[in-house]
N, C-alpha and C. Protein backbone atom coordinates (compact mmCIF):
# COMPACT_ATOMS: atom_id res chain seq x y z
N MET A 1 64.82 90.21 26.81
CA MET A 1 65.12 89.48 27.35
C MET A 1 64.15 88.15 27.73
N GLN A 2 64.67 86.81 28.40
CA GLN A 2 64.05 86.01 27.99
C GLN A 2 62.76 85.34 29.25
N ARG A 3 61.94 85.21 28.71
CA ARG A 3 60.87 85.13 29.38
C ARG A 3 60.72 83.88 30.29
N GLU A 4 60.78 84.08 31.65
CA GLU A 4 60.85 82.88 32.79
C GLU A 4 59.22 82.14 32.95
N LEU A 5 59.52 81.02 33.26
CA LEU A 5 58.40 80.49 33.21
C LEU A 5 57.72 80.39 34.69
N SER A 6 56.58 79.92 34.91
CA SER A 6 56.03 79.63 36.24
C SER A 6 55.96 78.30 36.50
N VAL A 7 56.04 77.70 37.88
CA VAL A 7 56.00 76.51 37.63
C VAL A 7 54.97 76.03 37.32
N GLY A 8 53.86 76.37 36.59
CA GLY A 8 52.81 75.55 36.41
C GLY A 8 52.91 75.49 34.76
N GLU A 9 53.75 76.51 34.34
CA GLU A 9 54.12 76.40 32.59
C GLU A 9 55.44 74.95 32.86
N VAL A 10 56.18 75.19 33.83
CA VAL A 10 57.66 73.79 33.80
C VAL A 10 56.88 72.90 34.11
N ALA A 11 55.61 72.39 34.69
CA ALA A 11 55.02 71.41 34.97
C ALA A 11 53.92 70.59 33.87
N GLU A 12 53.49 71.76 33.20
CA GLU A 12 52.77 71.17 32.30
C GLU A 12 53.53 71.33 30.72
N ARG A 13 54.69 71.74 30.86
CA ARG A 13 55.71 71.28 29.35
C ARG A 13 56.65 70.00 29.93
N SER A 14 57.08 69.59 30.88
CA SER A 14 57.69 69.27 30.98
C SER A 14 57.15 67.71 31.36
N GLY A 15 56.23 67.77 31.76
CA GLY A 15 55.39 66.56 32.30
C GLY A 15 55.14 65.91 34.04
N VAL A 16 56.20 66.87 34.65
CA VAL A 16 56.48 66.82 35.69
C VAL A 16 55.37 67.36 36.69
N ALA A 17 54.82 66.31 37.68
CA ALA A 17 53.99 67.65 38.74
C ALA A 17 54.64 68.65 39.37
N VAL A 18 53.82 69.47 39.83
CA VAL A 18 54.03 70.40 40.23
C VAL A 18 55.08 70.06 42.10
N SER A 19 54.27 69.22 42.57
CA SER A 19 55.01 68.50 44.02
C SER A 19 56.56 67.87 43.25
N THR A 20 56.46 67.05 42.32
CA THR A 20 57.76 66.86 42.30
C THR A 20 58.62 67.53 41.57
N LEU A 21 58.38 69.41 40.63
CA LEU A 21 59.63 69.73 40.68
C LEU A 21 59.75 70.69 42.19
N HIS A 22 58.85 70.53 42.96
CA HIS A 22 59.07 71.03 44.43
C HIS A 22 60.26 70.63 45.03
N PHE A 23 59.74 69.08 44.57
CA PHE A 23 61.01 68.00 45.75
C PHE A 23 62.23 68.10 45.17
N TYR A 24 62.32 68.41 43.43
CA TYR A 24 63.78 68.22 42.98
C TYR A 24 64.49 69.78 43.58
N GLU A 25 63.89 70.83 43.31
CA GLU A 25 64.52 72.22 44.59
C GLU A 25 64.68 71.82 45.44
N ALA A 26 63.82 71.34 46.47
CA ALA A 26 64.10 71.11 47.54
C ALA A 26 65.51 69.91 47.53
N ARG A 27 65.69 69.48 46.97
CA ARG A 27 67.12 68.28 46.97
C ARG A 27 68.05 69.26 46.27
N GLY A 28 68.14 70.46 45.70
CA GLY A 28 69.13 70.90 45.03
C GLY A 28 68.96 70.61 43.29
N LEU A 29 68.64 70.03 42.70
CA LEU A 29 68.46 69.60 41.55
C LEU A 29 67.99 71.01 40.46
N ILE A 30 67.24 71.61 41.18
CA ILE A 30 66.71 72.66 40.08
C ILE A 30 66.56 73.94 41.02
N ARG A 31 66.56 75.12 40.27
CA ARG A 31 66.77 76.62 40.88
C ARG A 31 65.72 77.15 40.51
N SER A 32 64.69 77.95 41.26
CA SER A 32 63.70 78.97 40.88
C SER A 32 64.84 80.19 41.63
N ARG A 33 63.82 81.44 41.25
CA ARG A 33 63.82 82.94 41.40
C ARG A 33 62.67 83.22 41.95
N ARG A 34 62.43 83.67 43.19
CA ARG A 34 60.93 83.90 43.68
C ARG A 34 60.60 85.37 43.35
N THR A 35 59.48 85.94 42.79
CA THR A 35 59.38 87.02 42.12
C THR A 35 59.03 87.98 43.55
N ALA A 36 58.66 89.25 43.56
CA ALA A 36 57.79 89.72 44.79
C ALA A 36 57.01 89.67 45.57
N GLY A 37 56.11 88.61 44.73
CA GLY A 37 54.94 88.10 45.38
C GLY A 37 55.03 86.69 45.86
N ASN A 38 56.38 86.13 45.90
CA ASN A 38 56.99 85.10 46.25
C ASN A 38 56.54 83.94 45.55
N GLN A 39 56.43 84.08 44.39
CA GLN A 39 56.12 83.13 43.39
C GLN A 39 57.59 82.38 42.44
N ARG A 40 57.32 81.24 42.18
CA ARG A 40 58.35 80.78 41.70
C ARG A 40 58.67 80.94 40.02
N ARG A 41 60.13 81.48 39.55
CA ARG A 41 59.84 82.08 38.09
C ARG A 41 60.88 80.92 37.77
N TYR A 42 61.00 80.33 36.52
CA TYR A 42 62.39 79.17 35.80
C TYR A 42 62.79 79.86 34.36
N PRO A 43 63.85 79.47 34.52
CA PRO A 43 64.12 79.90 33.22
C PRO A 43 63.99 78.64 32.41
N ARG A 44 63.65 79.04 30.91
CA ARG A 44 63.96 78.31 30.29
C ARG A 44 64.30 77.10 30.07
N GLU A 45 65.79 77.04 30.18
CA GLU A 45 66.23 76.25 30.00
C GLU A 45 66.15 74.75 31.09
N ILE A 46 65.52 75.37 32.27
CA ILE A 46 65.21 74.54 33.31
C ILE A 46 65.10 72.93 32.82
N LEU A 47 64.32 73.46 31.88
CA LEU A 47 62.99 72.58 30.78
C LEU A 47 64.18 70.85 30.37
N ARG A 48 65.06 71.42 29.88
CA ARG A 48 66.49 70.19 29.46
C ARG A 48 66.71 69.68 30.71
N ARG A 49 67.26 70.43 31.85
CA ARG A 49 67.84 69.79 32.83
C ARG A 49 66.38 69.19 33.57
N ILE A 50 65.40 69.42 33.79
CA ILE A 50 64.51 68.14 34.12
C ILE A 50 64.04 66.99 33.27
N ALA A 51 64.89 67.41 32.10
CA ALA A 51 64.28 66.00 30.73
C ALA A 51 65.61 65.30 31.18
N VAL A 52 67.06 65.80 31.40
CA VAL A 52 68.07 64.88 31.80
C VAL A 52 67.67 64.12 33.26
N ILE A 53 67.38 65.14 34.28
CA ILE A 53 67.13 64.11 35.35
C ILE A 53 66.28 62.96 35.27
N ARG A 54 64.99 63.45 34.66
CA ARG A 54 63.83 62.30 34.25
C ARG A 54 64.56 61.07 33.46
N VAL A 55 65.49 61.00 32.50
CA VAL A 55 66.07 60.16 32.10
C VAL A 55 67.01 59.02 33.05
N ALA A 56 68.25 60.32 33.82
CA ALA A 56 69.04 59.39 34.52
C ALA A 56 68.31 58.68 35.50
N GLN A 57 66.87 58.87 36.03
CA GLN A 57 65.88 58.46 37.32
C GLN A 57 65.43 57.15 36.18
N ARG A 58 65.36 57.34 34.95
CA ARG A 58 64.74 56.09 34.43
C ARG A 58 66.04 55.29 34.03
N ALA A 59 67.05 55.55 33.76
CA ALA A 59 68.62 54.45 33.91
C ALA A 59 68.27 54.14 34.95
N GLY A 60 68.11 54.20 36.17
CA GLY A 60 68.47 54.09 37.67
C GLY A 60 69.40 54.72 38.52
N ILE A 61 69.64 55.25 38.12
CA ILE A 61 70.91 56.46 38.74
C ILE A 61 69.93 57.30 39.74
N PRO A 62 71.05 57.14 41.14
CA PRO A 62 70.10 57.64 42.32
C PRO A 62 69.93 59.40 41.96
N LEU A 63 69.23 60.08 42.60
CA LEU A 63 68.97 61.51 43.32
C LEU A 63 70.53 62.38 43.81
N ALA A 64 71.11 61.22 44.23
CA ALA A 64 72.14 61.93 45.31
C ALA A 64 73.17 61.93 43.86
N THR A 65 73.49 61.24 43.27
CA THR A 65 74.79 61.11 41.76
C THR A 65 74.31 61.96 40.73
N ILE A 66 72.82 61.85 40.54
CA ILE A 66 72.32 63.26 39.78
C ILE A 66 72.58 64.62 40.16
N ALA A 67 72.08 64.84 41.65
CA ALA A 67 73.02 66.11 42.09
C ALA A 67 74.01 66.64 41.74
N ALA A 68 74.96 65.57 42.34
CA ALA A 68 76.38 65.77 42.22
C ALA A 68 76.70 65.65 40.70
N ALA A 69 76.62 65.42 39.72
CA ALA A 69 76.33 65.28 38.49
C ALA A 69 76.01 67.11 37.81
N LEU A 70 74.92 67.22 38.17
CA LEU A 70 74.83 68.64 37.77
C LEU A 70 75.21 69.54 38.51
N ALA A 71 75.60 69.12 39.81
CA ALA A 71 76.47 70.56 40.51
C ALA A 71 77.51 70.58 39.56
N THR A 72 78.07 70.28 38.57
CA THR A 72 79.21 70.34 37.74
C THR A 72 79.19 71.03 36.72
N LEU A 73 77.72 71.54 36.35
CA LEU A 73 77.64 72.36 35.56
C LEU A 73 77.59 73.74 35.37
N PRO A 74 78.12 74.77 34.50
CA PRO A 74 78.41 76.04 34.57
C PRO A 74 77.26 76.56 34.85
N GLU A 75 77.94 77.62 36.37
CA GLU A 75 76.84 78.80 36.87
C GLU A 75 76.34 79.34 35.81
N GLY A 76 77.36 80.52 34.73
CA GLY A 76 77.16 81.68 34.20
C GLY A 76 76.35 81.33 33.03
N ARG A 77 76.12 80.40 32.48
CA ARG A 77 75.62 80.00 31.00
C ARG A 77 74.61 78.79 31.11
N THR A 78 74.01 78.49 29.77
CA THR A 78 73.31 77.94 29.73
C THR A 78 74.08 76.33 29.28
N PRO A 79 73.95 75.70 30.04
CA PRO A 79 75.02 74.34 29.58
C PRO A 79 74.72 74.02 27.78
N ASP A 80 75.33 73.14 27.52
CA ASP A 80 75.56 73.31 25.65
C ASP A 80 75.46 71.51 25.90
N ALA A 81 75.48 71.41 24.45
CA ALA A 81 75.79 69.55 24.04
C ALA A 81 76.76 68.97 24.67
N SER A 82 78.17 69.73 24.77
CA SER A 82 78.72 69.32 25.18
C SER A 82 79.06 69.02 26.29
N ASP A 83 78.33 70.15 27.59
CA ASP A 83 78.66 69.46 28.59
C ASP A 83 76.97 68.58 29.17
N TRP A 84 76.65 68.49 28.63
CA TRP A 84 75.47 66.78 28.61
C TRP A 84 76.00 65.71 28.41
N GLN A 85 76.89 65.98 27.64
CA GLN A 85 77.55 64.87 26.87
C GLN A 85 78.51 64.40 28.13
N ALA A 86 79.37 65.19 28.81
CA ALA A 86 80.22 64.71 29.72
C ALA A 86 79.57 64.38 30.63
N LEU A 87 78.41 64.72 31.01
CA LEU A 87 77.54 63.74 31.94
C LEU A 87 77.46 62.22 31.84
N SER A 88 76.67 62.31 30.40
CA SER A 88 76.23 60.80 30.26
C SER A 88 77.83 59.66 30.38
N GLN A 89 79.02 60.51 29.41
CA GLN A 89 79.81 59.42 29.90
C GLN A 89 80.15 59.45 31.31
N ALA A 90 80.08 60.22 31.88
CA ALA A 90 80.37 60.13 33.24
C ALA A 90 79.24 58.97 34.04
N TRP A 91 78.02 58.74 33.57
CA TRP A 91 77.12 57.93 34.02
C TRP A 91 77.51 57.02 33.38
N ARG A 92 78.32 56.72 32.57
CA ARG A 92 78.22 54.83 31.56
C ARG A 92 79.36 54.08 32.59
């Protein structure tokens, strides 16, 4: 079983503030699950998603457009290189 990351671990590894992670989650850009103690837990692949969000923002892509693109990614599996390539092509 893959270990999940806490919000603090995600913030530290991604270089994004905890408040930004909460903002991304409120906007539907990322998702977490809640523990019995109501703490957020993220899968490790969230780090790549956050990296894509940050790069897209730096390229001037609006958050609504980023959210719509991320919504096209597969639900039941971790996005692979071809999925990220498709997003990149769509934004060009």
